[in-house]
C-alpha atoms as a PDB file:
ATOM      1  CA  MET A   1     -61.378-244.024-127.498  1.00  0.00           C
ATOM      2  CA  SER A   2     -63.991-241.336-127.823  1.00  0.00           C
ATOM      3  CA  ALA A   3     -65.427-242.271-124.427  1.00  0.00           C
ATOM      4  CA  GLN A   4     -62.027-241.756-122.806  1.00  0.00           C
ATOM      5  CA  THR A   5     -61.573-238.457-124.579  1.00  0.00           C
ATOM      6  CA  ILE A   6     -64.929-237.177-123.451  1.00  0.00           C
ATOM      7  CA  GLY A   7     -64.620-238.520-119.939  1.00  0.00           C
ATOM      8  CA  ALA A   8     -61.161-237.100-119.217  1.00  0.00           C
ATOM      9  CA  PRO A   9     -62.129-233.417-119.332  1.00  0.00           C
ATOM     10  CA  ALA A  10     -65.235-234.142-117.282  1.00  0.00           C
ATOM     11  CA  GLY A  11     -63.117-235.814-114.629  1.00  0.00           C
ATOM     12  CA  GLY A  12     -60.679-232.919-114.718  1.00  0.00           C
ATOM     13  CA  ARG A  13     -63.515-230.451-114.236  1.00  0.00           C
ATOM     14  CA  ARG A  14     -64.840-232.439-111.310  1.00  0.00           C
ATOM     15  CA  GLY A  15     -61.358-232.426-109.762  1.00  0.00           C
ATOM     16  CA  LEU A  16     -61.118-228.639-110.030  1.00  0.00           C
ATOM     17  CA  THR A  17     -64.547-228.033-108.489  1.00  0.00           C
ATOM     18  CA  LEU A  18     -64.337-226.647-104.955  1.00  0.00           C
ATOM     19  CA  LYS A  19     -66.959-227.393-102.354  1.00  0.00           C
ATOM     20  CA  PRO A  20     -68.774-224.504-100.613  1.00  0.00           C
ATOM     21  CA  GLY A  21     -66.818-225.151 -97.434  1.00  0.00           C
ATOM     22  CA  ALA A  22     -63.531-224.787 -99.297  1.00  0.00           C
ATOM     23  CA  TRP A  23     -64.699-221.510-100.856  1.00  0.00           C
ATOM     24  CA  LEU A  24     -65.639-220.185 -97.414  1.00  0.00           C
ATOM     25  CA  THR A  25     -62.263-221.201 -96.024  1.00  0.00           C
ATOM     26  CA  TRP A  26     -60.357-219.485 -98.812  1.00  0.00           C
ATOM     27  CA  ALA A  27     -62.565-216.401 -98.538  1.00  0.00           C
ATOM     28  CA  ALA A  28     -61.919-216.191 -94.777  1.00  0.00           C
ATOM     29  CA  LEU A  29     -58.154-216.551 -95.319  1.00  0.00           C
ATOM     30  CA  VAL A  30     -58.102-213.872 -98.015  1.00  0.00           C
ATOM     31  CA  PHE A  31     -60.191-211.535 -95.815  1.00  0.00           C
ATOM     32  CA  PHE A  32     -57.842-212.075 -92.864  1.00  0.00           C
ATOM     33  CA  PHE A  33     -54.631-211.472 -94.800  1.00  0.00           C
ATOM     34  CA  VAL A  34     -56.036-208.442 -96.643  1.00  0.00           C
ATOM     35  CA  ASN A  35     -56.975-206.847 -93.311  1.00  0.00           C
ATOM     36  CA  LEU A  36     -53.612-207.767 -91.771  1.00  0.00           C
ATOM     37  CA  LEU A  37     -51.647-206.330 -94.687  1.00  0.00           C
ATOM     38  CA  GLY A  38     -53.886-203.263 -94.667  1.00  0.00           C
ATOM     39  CA  VAL A  39     -53.139-202.541 -91.005  1.00  0.00           C
ATOM     40  CA  ILE A  40     -49.391-203.040 -91.470  1.00  0.00           C
ATOM     41  CA  ALA A  41     -49.331-200.944 -94.640  1.00  0.00           C
ATOM     42  CA  THR A  42     -51.265-198.121 -92.956  1.00  0.00           C
ATOM     43  CA  VAL A  43     -48.800-197.916 -90.070  1.00  0.00           C
ATOM     44  CA  LEU A  44     -45.799-198.127 -92.422  1.00  0.00           C
ATOM     45  CA  VAL A  45     -47.122-195.421 -94.776  1.00  0.00           C
ATOM     46  CA  ASP A  46     -48.027-193.120 -91.877  1.00  0.00           C
ATOM     47  CA  SER A  47     -44.524-193.507 -90.404  1.00  0.00           C
ATOM     48  CA  LEU A  48     -43.050-192.268 -93.701  1.00  0.00           C
ATOM     49  CA  GLY A  49     -45.564-189.525 -94.491  1.00  0.00           C
ATOM     50  CA  ARG A  50     -45.284-185.822 -93.717  1.00  0.00           C
ATOM     51  CA  SER A  51     -49.006-185.430 -93.068  1.00  0.00           C
ATOM     52  CA  TRP A  52     -51.953-187.670 -93.883  1.00  0.00           C
ATOM     53  CA  PHE A  53     -55.371-186.201 -93.299  1.00  0.00           C
ATOM     54  CA  ALA A  54     -57.157-186.827 -96.604  1.00  0.00           C
ATOM     55  CA  GLY A  55     -56.622-188.883 -99.694  1.00  0.00           C
ATOM     56  CA  TRP A  56     -55.188-192.323-100.246  1.00  0.00           C
ATOM     57  CA  LEU A  57     -51.567-191.280 -99.616  1.00  0.00           C
ATOM     58  CA  PRO A  58     -49.732-188.684 -97.480  1.00  0.00           C
ATOM     59  CA  THR A  59     -48.952-185.250 -98.891  1.00  0.00           C
ATOM     60  CA  GLY A  60     -45.225-185.985 -98.830  1.00  0.00           C
ATOM     61  CA  TRP A  61     -42.617-188.477 -97.705  1.00  0.00           C
ATOM     62  CA  THR A  62     -39.917-188.244 -95.048  1.00  0.00           C
ATOM     63  CA  GLY A  63     -37.885-190.472 -92.757  1.00  0.00           C
ATOM     64  CA  HIS A  64     -37.315-188.020 -89.923  1.00  0.00           C
ATOM     65  CA  TRP A  65     -40.073-189.575 -87.794  1.00  0.00           C
ATOM     66  CA  TYR A  66     -37.749-192.503 -87.101  1.00  0.00           C
ATOM     67  CA  SER A  67     -34.981-190.253 -85.807  1.00  0.00           C
ATOM     68  CA  ASP A  68     -37.561-188.292 -83.800  1.00  0.00           C
ATOM     69  CA  ALA A  69     -38.894-191.501 -82.246  1.00  0.00           C
ATOM     70  CA  TRP A  70     -35.347-192.657 -81.472  1.00  0.00           C
ATOM     71  CA  LYS A  71     -34.656-189.451 -79.544  1.00  0.00           C
ATOM     72  CA  GLU A  72     -38.104-188.895 -78.029  1.00  0.00           C
ATOM     73  CA  PHE A  73     -38.605-192.389 -76.647  1.00  0.00           C
ATOM     74  CA  GLY A  74     -34.940-193.181 -75.957  1.00  0.00           C
ATOM     75  CA  LEU A  75     -35.026-196.228 -78.197  1.00  0.00           C
ATOM     76  CA  GLY A  76     -31.288-196.794 -77.885  1.00  0.00           C
ATOM     77  CA  GLU A  77     -31.598-197.457 -74.156  1.00  0.00           C
ATOM     78  CA  VAL A  78     -34.866-199.355 -74.614  1.00  0.00           C
ATOM     79  CA  LEU A  79     -33.372-201.664 -77.239  1.00  0.00           C
ATOM     80  CA  GLY A  80     -30.319-202.225 -75.053  1.00  0.00           C
ATOM     81  CA  THR A  81     -32.553-203.215 -72.136  1.00  0.00           C
ATOM     82  CA  THR A  82     -34.619-205.460 -74.406  1.00  0.00           C
ATOM     83  CA  VAL A  83     -31.517-207.291 -75.630  1.00  0.00           C
ATOM     84  CA  GLU A  84     -30.156-207.601 -72.089  1.00  0.00           C
ATOM     85  CA  VAL A  85     -33.401-209.005 -70.676  1.00  0.00           C
ATOM     86  CA  THR A  86     -33.941-211.344 -73.614  1.00  0.00           C
ATOM     87  CA  PHE A  87     -30.484-212.905 -73.587  1.00  0.00           C
ATOM     88  CA  LEU A  88     -30.410-213.231 -69.795  1.00  0.00           C
ATOM     89  CA  VAL A  89     -33.740-215.071 -69.885  1.00  0.00           C
ATOM     90  CA  VAL A  90     -32.485-217.362 -72.658  1.00  0.00           C
ATOM     91  CA  LEU A  91     -29.200-218.101 -70.847  1.00  0.00           C
ATOM     92  CA  VAL A  92     -30.713-218.776 -67.428  1.00  0.00           C
ATOM     93  CA  SER A  93     -33.568-220.797 -68.919  1.00  0.00           C
ATOM     94  CA  LEU A  94     -31.160-223.083 -70.776  1.00  0.00           C
ATOM     95  CA  VAL A  95     -28.846-223.501 -67.780  1.00  0.00           C
ATOM     96  CA  LEU A  96     -31.715-224.497 -65.484  1.00  0.00           C
ATOM     97  CA  ALA A  97     -34.056-226.293 -67.869  1.00  0.00           C
ATOM     98  CA  VAL A  98     -31.672-228.533 -69.827  1.00  0.00           C
ATOM     99  CA  PRO A  99     -30.627-230.598 -66.760  1.00  0.00           C
ATOM    100  CA  ALA A 100     -34.270-230.730 -65.665  1.00  0.00           C
ATOM    101  CA  SER A 101     -35.243-231.960 -69.139  1.00  0.00           C
ATOM    102  CA  TYR A 102     -32.605-234.688 -68.946  1.00  0.00           C
ATOM    103  CA  ALA A 103     -33.920-235.822 -65.574  1.00  0.00           C
ATOM    104  CA  LEU A 104     -37.508-235.950 -66.851  1.00  0.00           C
ATOM    105  CA  ALA A 105     -36.469-237.830 -69.980  1.00  0.00           C
ATOM    106  CA  ARG A 106     -34.197-240.392 -68.311  1.00  0.00           C
ATOM    107  CA  ARG A 107     -35.430-240.872 -64.758  1.00  0.00           C
ATOM    108  CA  ASP A 108     -38.617-242.147 -63.134  1.00  0.00           C
ATOM    109  CA  PHE A 109     -39.237-240.814 -59.635  1.00  0.00           C
ATOM    110  CA  PRO A 110     -42.206-240.271 -57.313  1.00  0.00           C
ATOM    111  CA  GLY A 111     -44.223-237.194 -58.232  1.00  0.00           C
ATOM    112  CA  LYS A 112     -42.908-236.999 -61.802  1.00  0.00           C
ATOM    113  CA  HIS A 113     -46.383-236.612 -63.332  1.00  0.00           C
ATOM    114  CA  LEU A 114     -47.327-233.986 -60.766  1.00  0.00           C
ATOM    115  CA  LEU A 115     -44.131-232.065 -61.479  1.00  0.00           C
ATOM    116  CA  THR A 116     -44.808-232.246 -65.217  1.00  0.00           C
ATOM    117  CA  THR A 117     -48.306-230.858 -64.636  1.00  0.00           C
ATOM    118  CA  LEU A 118     -46.887-227.973 -62.593  1.00  0.00           C
ATOM    119  CA  PHE A 119     -44.444-227.166 -65.398  1.00  0.00           C
ATOM    120  CA  VAL A 120     -47.196-227.016 -67.999  1.00  0.00           C
ATOM    121  CA  LEU A 121     -49.384-224.599 -65.997  1.00  0.00           C
ATOM    122  CA  PRO A 122     -47.393-221.396 -66.810  1.00  0.00           C
ATOM    123  CA  ILE A 123     -47.713-222.270 -70.504  1.00  0.00           C
ATOM    124  CA  LEU A 124     -51.454-222.943 -70.451  1.00  0.00           C
ATOM    125  CA  VAL A 125     -52.570-220.297 -67.947  1.00  0.00           C
ATOM    126  CA  PRO A 126     -52.737-216.705 -69.287  1.00  0.00           C
ATOM    127  CA  PRO A 127     -49.725-214.705 -68.007  1.00  0.00           C
ATOM    128  CA  ILE A 128     -51.924-211.999 -66.493  1.00  0.00           C
ATOM    129  CA  ALA A 129     -53.546-214.602 -64.197  1.00  0.00           C
ATOM    130  CA  TYR A 130     -50.335-215.360 -62.313  1.00  0.00           C
ATOM    131  CA  GLY A 131     -48.475-212.190 -63.275  1.00  0.00           C
ATOM    132  CA  ILE A 132     -50.326-209.914 -60.838  1.00  0.00           C
ATOM    133  CA  PRO A 133     -49.618-211.966 -57.667  1.00  0.00           C
ATOM    134  CA  MET A 134     -46.079-212.619 -58.852  1.00  0.00           C
ATOM    135  CA  ALA A 135     -45.508-208.889 -59.409  1.00  0.00           C
ATOM    136  CA  THR A 136     -46.862-208.235 -55.894  1.00  0.00           C
ATOM    137  CA  VAL A 137     -44.262-210.606 -54.447  1.00  0.00           C
ATOM    138  CA  LEU A 138     -41.462-209.032 -56.495  1.00  0.00           C
ATOM    139  CA  TYR A 139     -42.452-205.545 -55.341  1.00  0.00           C
ATOM    140  CA  LYS A 140     -42.518-206.766 -51.736  1.00  0.00           C
ATOM    141  CA  PHE A 141     -38.897-207.914 -52.021  1.00  0.00           C
ATOM    142  CA  HIS A 142     -37.876-204.756 -53.961  1.00  0.00           C
ATOM    143  CA  LEU A 143     -37.050-206.695 -57.126  1.00  0.00           C
ATOM    144  CA  ALA A 144     -39.728-205.283 -59.398  1.00  0.00           C
ATOM    145  CA  GLY A 145     -38.844-202.187 -61.389  1.00  0.00           C
ATOM    146  CA  SER A 146     -35.400-203.542 -62.217  1.00  0.00           C
ATOM    147  CA  VAL A 147     -33.906-205.741 -64.914  1.00  0.00           C
ATOM    148  CA  THR A 148     -33.570-208.523 -62.325  1.00  0.00           C
ATOM    149  CA  GLY A 149     -37.300-208.455 -61.621  1.00  0.00           C
ATOM    150  CA  VAL A 150     -38.175-208.507 -65.316  1.00  0.00           C
ATOM    151  CA  VAL A 151     -35.846-211.466 -65.911  1.00  0.00           C
ATOM    152  CA  LEU A 152     -37.262-213.406 -62.944  1.00  0.00           C
ATOM    153  CA  ALA A 153     -40.817-212.807 -64.146  1.00  0.00           C
ATOM    154  CA  ASN A 154     -40.054-213.983 -67.677  1.00  0.00           C
ATOM    155  CA  LEU A 155     -38.298-217.104 -66.398  1.00  0.00           C
ATOM    156  CA  VAL A 156     -41.598-218.466 -65.062  1.00  0.00           C
ATOM    157  CA  PRO A 157     -43.019-219.391 -68.498  1.00  0.00           C
ATOM    158  CA  SER A 158     -39.639-219.715 -70.231  1.00  0.00           C
ATOM    159  CA  ILE A 159     -38.179-222.551 -68.140  1.00  0.00           C
ATOM    160  CA  PRO A 160     -41.198-224.858 -68.676  1.00  0.00           C
ATOM    161  CA  PHE A 161     -41.148-223.907 -72.370  1.00  0.00           C
ATOM    162  CA  VAL A 162     -37.529-225.064 -72.663  1.00  0.00           C
ATOM    163  CA  ILE A 163     -38.304-228.242 -70.733  1.00  0.00           C
ATOM    164  CA  PHE A 164     -41.146-229.233 -73.036  1.00  0.00           C
ATOM    165  CA  THR A 165     -39.002-228.382 -76.055  1.00  0.00           C
ATOM    166  CA  MET A 166     -35.905-230.264 -74.909  1.00  0.00           C
ATOM    167  CA  THR A 167     -37.480-233.388 -73.409  1.00  0.00           C
ATOM    168  CA  PRO A 168     -38.518-234.916 -76.795  1.00  0.00           C
ATOM    169  CA  PHE A 169     -35.017-234.284 -78.151  1.00  0.00           C
ATOM    170  CA  ILE A 170     -33.395-236.058 -75.221  1.00  0.00           C
ATOM    171  CA  GLU A 171     -35.864-238.952 -75.414  1.00  0.00           C
ATOM    172  CA  GLN A 172     -34.781-239.539 -79.028  1.00  0.00           C
ATOM    173  CA  ILE A 173     -31.167-240.068 -77.937  1.00  0.00           C
ATOM    174  CA  ASP A 174     -30.595-243.775 -77.395  1.00  0.00           C
ATOM    175  CA  PRO A 175     -29.495-244.394 -73.766  1.00  0.00           C
ATOM    176  CA  LYS A 176     -27.308-247.220 -75.064  1.00  0.00           C
ATOM    177  CA  ILE A 177     -24.922-244.584 -76.444  1.00  0.00           C
ATOM    178  CA  GLU A 178     -24.296-243.277 -72.940  1.00  0.00           C
ATOM    179  CA  SER A 179     -23.950-246.800 -71.545  1.00  0.00           C
ATOM    180  CA  ALA A 180     -21.441-247.725 -74.226  1.00  0.00           C
ATOM    181  CA  ALA A 181     -19.372-244.602 -73.503  1.00  0.00           C
ATOM    182  CA  ARG A 182     -19.309-245.400 -69.778  1.00  0.00           C
ATOM    183  CA  MET A 183     -18.311-249.012 -70.459  1.00  0.00           C
ATOM    184  CA  CYS A 184     -15.375-247.680 -72.500  1.00  0.00           C
ATOM    185  CA  GLY A 185     -14.214-245.722 -69.456  1.00  0.00           C
ATOM    186  CA  ALA A 186     -15.663-242.263 -70.189  1.00  0.00           C
ATOM    187  CA  SER A 187     -16.324-240.123 -67.134  1.00  0.00           C
ATOM    188  CA  THR A 188     -19.632-238.379 -66.472  1.00  0.00           C
ATOM    189  CA  TRP A 189     -18.166-235.038 -67.621  1.00  0.00           C
ATOM    190  CA  THR A 190     -16.867-236.640 -70.831  1.00  0.00           C
ATOM    191  CA  VAL A 191     -20.268-238.194 -71.540  1.00  0.00           C
ATOM    192  CA  LEU A 192     -21.960-234.842 -71.010  1.00  0.00           C
ATOM    193  CA  THR A 193     -19.558-232.734 -73.050  1.00  0.00           C
ATOM    194  CA  ARG A 194     -18.400-235.140 -75.781  1.00  0.00           C
ATOM    195  CA  ILE A 195     -21.456-237.377 -76.261  1.00  0.00           C
ATOM    196  CA  LEU A 196     -24.669-235.717 -75.098  1.00  0.00           C
ATOM    197  CA  ALA A 197     -23.894-232.046 -75.803  1.00  0.00           C
ATOM    198  CA  PRO A 198     -23.395-232.469 -79.591  1.00  0.00           C
ATOM    199  CA  LEU A 199     -26.537-234.606 -79.818  1.00  0.00           C
ATOM    200  CA  MET A 200     -28.610-232.126 -77.806  1.00  0.00           C
ATOM    201  CA  LEU A 201     -27.279-229.067 -79.629  1.00  0.00           C
ATOM    202  CA  PRO A 202     -30.173-228.889 -82.168  1.00  0.00           C
ATOM    203  CA  GLY A 203     -32.690-228.982 -79.325  1.00  0.00           C
ATOM    204  CA  ILE A 204     -30.788-226.398 -77.304  1.00  0.00           C
ATOM    205  CA  LEU A 205     -30.597-224.118 -80.337  1.00  0.00           C
ATOM    206  CA  ALA A 206     -34.307-224.559 -81.047  1.00  0.00           C
ATOM    207  CA  ALA A 207     -35.292-223.899 -77.436  1.00  0.00           C
ATOM    208  CA  GLY A 208     -33.019-220.858 -77.177  1.00  0.00           C
ATOM    209  CA  ILE A 209     -34.347-219.226 -80.346  1.00  0.00           C
ATOM    210  CA  LEU A 210     -37.970-219.864 -79.421  1.00  0.00           C
ATOM    211  CA  VAL A 211     -37.500-218.470 -75.905  1.00  0.00           C
ATOM    212  CA  LEU A 212     -35.747-215.448 -77.418  1.00  0.00           C
ATOM    213  CA  VAL A 213     -38.743-214.733 -79.664  1.00  0.00           C
ATOM    214  CA  ARG A 214     -41.198-215.373 -76.833  1.00  0.00           C
ATOM    215  CA  THR A 215     -39.384-213.104 -74.374  1.00  0.00           C
ATOM    216  CA  PHE A 216     -38.948-210.313 -76.914  1.00  0.00           C
ATOM    217  CA  GLY A 217     -42.710-210.233 -77.455  1.00  0.00           C
ATOM    218  CA  MET A 218     -43.807-210.878 -73.854  1.00  0.00           C
ATOM    219  CA  PHE A 219     -45.930-207.921 -72.729  1.00  0.00           C
ATOM    220  CA  GLU A 220     -47.974-208.831 -69.647  1.00  0.00           C
ATOM    221  CA  LEU A 221     -45.231-210.043 -67.301  1.00  0.00           C
ATOM    222  CA  THR A 222     -42.770-207.357 -68.410  1.00  0.00           C
ATOM    223  CA  PHE A 223     -45.368-204.597 -68.077  1.00  0.00           C
ATOM    224  CA  LEU A 224     -46.267-205.674 -64.534  1.00  0.00           C
ATOM    225  CA  THR A 225     -42.676-205.822 -63.297  1.00  0.00           C
ATOM    226  CA  ALA A 226     -40.750-203.245 -65.364  1.00  0.00           C
ATOM    227  CA  GLY A 227     -39.734-199.790 -64.180  1.00  0.00           C
ATOM    228  CA  PRO A 228     -38.621-196.631 -66.016  1.00  0.00           C
ATOM    229  CA  GLY A 229     -35.145-198.070 -66.624  1.00  0.00           C
ATOM    230  CA  SER A 230     -36.139-201.666 -67.318  1.00  0.00           C
ATOM    231  CA  GLN A 231     -38.786-201.339 -70.018  1.00  0.00           C
ATOM    232  CA  THR A 232     -38.524-203.508 -73.091  1.00  0.00           C
ATOM    233  CA  LEU A 233     -39.517-202.295 -76.533  1.00  0.00           C
ATOM    234  CA  ILE A 234     -43.072-203.601 -76.431  1.00  0.00           C
ATOM    235  CA  VAL A 235     -43.754-201.999 -73.041  1.00  0.00           C
ATOM    236  CA  ALA A 236     -42.226-198.712 -74.184  1.00  0.00           C
ATOM    237  CA  LEU A 237     -44.494-198.799 -77.247  1.00  0.00           C
ATOM    238  CA  PHE A 238     -47.556-199.357 -75.065  1.00  0.00           C
ATOM    239  CA  SER A 239     -46.517-196.516 -72.763  1.00  0.00           C
ATOM    240  CA  ALA A 240     -45.986-194.178 -75.710  1.00  0.00           C
ATOM    241  CA  VAL A 241     -49.496-194.857 -76.969  1.00  0.00           C
ATOM    242  CA  ASN A 242     -51.342-194.640 -73.639  1.00  0.00           C
ATOM    243  CA  SER A 243     -49.360-192.285 -71.392  1.00  0.00           C
ATOM    244  CA  ALA A 244     -50.370-188.662 -70.873  1.00  0.00           C
ATOM    245  CA  GLY A 245     -49.102-185.950 -73.192  1.00  0.00           C
ATOM    246  CA  ILE A 246     -49.254-185.036 -76.854  1.00  0.00           C
ATOM    247  CA  ARG A 247     -47.130-187.147 -79.167  1.00  0.00           C
ATOM    248  CA  SER A 248     -46.883-187.345 -82.902  1.00  0.00           C
ATOM    249  CA  THR A 249     -48.711-190.352 -84.273  1.00  0.00           C
ATOM    250  CA  GLN A 250     -46.056-190.688 -86.974  1.00  0.00           C
ATOM    251  CA  SER A 251     -43.333-191.133 -84.338  1.00  0.00           C
ATOM    252  CA  ILE A 252     -45.392-193.782 -82.554  1.00  0.00           C
ATOM    253  CA  ASP A 253     -46.008-195.537 -85.870  1.00  0.00           C
ATOM    254  CA  ALA A 254     -42.278-195.415 -86.580  1.00  0.00           C
ATOM    255  CA  MET A 255     -41.668-197.055 -83.215  1.00  0.00           C
ATOM    256  CA  ALA A 256     -44.275-199.704 -84.057  1.00  0.00           C
ATOM    257  CA  VAL A 257     -42.556-200.385 -87.401  1.00  0.00           C
ATOM    258  CA  ILE A 258     -39.224-200.872 -85.609  1.00  0.00           C
ATOM    259  CA  TYR A 259     -40.829-203.346 -83.205  1.00  0.00           C
ATOM    260  CA  THR A 260     -42.679-205.215 -85.958  1.00  0.00           C
ATOM    261  CA  GLY A 261     -39.592-205.375 -88.161  1.00  0.00           C
ATOM    262  CA  THR A 262     -37.454-206.716 -85.321  1.00  0.00           C
ATOM    263  CA  MET A 263     -40.039-209.371 -84.469  1.00  0.00           C
ATOM    264  CA  ALA A 264     -40.296-210.359 -88.145  1.00  0.00           C
ATOM    265  CA  VAL A 265     -36.519-210.830 -88.342  1.00  0.00           C
ATOM    266  CA  LEU A 266     -36.516-212.952 -85.181  1.00  0.00           C
ATOM    267  CA  LEU A 267     -39.368-215.100 -86.486  1.00  0.00           C
ATOM    268  CA  LEU A 268     -37.609-215.627 -89.813  1.00  0.00           C
ATOM    269  CA  VAL A 269     -34.432-216.641 -87.987  1.00  0.00           C
ATOM    270  CA  ALA A 270     -36.439-219.013 -85.777  1.00  0.00           C
ATOM    271  CA  LEU A 271     -38.150-220.632 -88.744  1.00  0.00           C
ATOM    272  CA  ARG A 272     -34.796-220.883 -90.539  1.00  0.00           C
ATOM    273  CA  PHE A 273     -33.167-222.907 -87.774  1.00  0.00           C
ATOM    274  CA  VAL A 274     -36.174-224.568 -86.120  1.00  0.00           C
ATOM    275  CA  ASN A 275     -38.588-227.074 -87.601  1.00  0.00           C
ATOM    276  CA  PRO A 276     -41.743-226.857 -85.439  1.00  0.00           C
ATOM    277  CA  THR A 277     -42.731-230.437 -86.283  1.00  0.00           C
ATOM    278  CA  GLN A 278     -39.502-231.712 -84.723  1.00  0.00           C
ATOM    279  CA  LEU A 279     -40.323-230.121 -81.378  1.00  0.00           C
ATOM    280  CA  VAL A 280     -43.038-232.655 -80.652  1.00  0.00           C
ATOM    281  CA  ALA A 281     -41.487-235.651 -82.416  1.00  0.00           C
ATOM    282  CA  ARG A 282     -40.847-238.622 -80.190  1.00  0.00           C
ATOM    283  CA  SER A 283     -39.049-241.844 -80.839  1.00  0.00           C
ATOM    284  CA  SER A 284     -41.329-244.744 -81.658  1.00  0.00           C
ATOM    285  CA  ASP A 285     -39.118-246.931 -79.496  1.00  0.00           C
END
């Protein structure tokens, strides 16, 4: 009895002991998040401060930098363009990529592996690598500098992204369900709309939300193909920081807070409706 009593705390202490590698991992994580929160907090505080030249906090607090940034950088028009570009990319990507995903999941044809490799390249290759020649082509055909050019550029990585998101979902749908519906006299349109569409809806929703987040934050391709009237929020923020002229840092920080807050909301919505582990799940059959 006494041996058990003495041994239990010792075992508990051994269970609570962390190895040096674990301590280093936790220390690195804490260091990373402290720096990340410090950067975000600095920008947020500066966007709300009257002036901040010395001390730990600004001399006063105000919210007029947000209204100044809205007027100075035309954020109403910029946000409208961002929403337009984002939803057009999502819509066109789904319309084109969902049928392609079905074909890849259900059909075997010559060159299928080569086609799959070509689809994965825009995801693996950095956007700047193919963005420059693509922008050159768009400028040659007078498409760059417009919303159409920005949408076309963003479709290049978005369509393969939808395909690789949707294909596992379609592969999990038992083909016998479609065969049974056809044997009962259902037409192709009925099978698509009444059988497959409800089953594919979670995948379509997941792909659409993820493409929305990706397009909203896409900088390289949008920067290379956007014009004065087709800039998205992230490109407008970059231009405000680096273009010539004197601008208030508080207004730029306010613009950065608006962008960061919008991205945070989109990410929370994506994580609410999308389980990342399901995107790569495949049927064991």
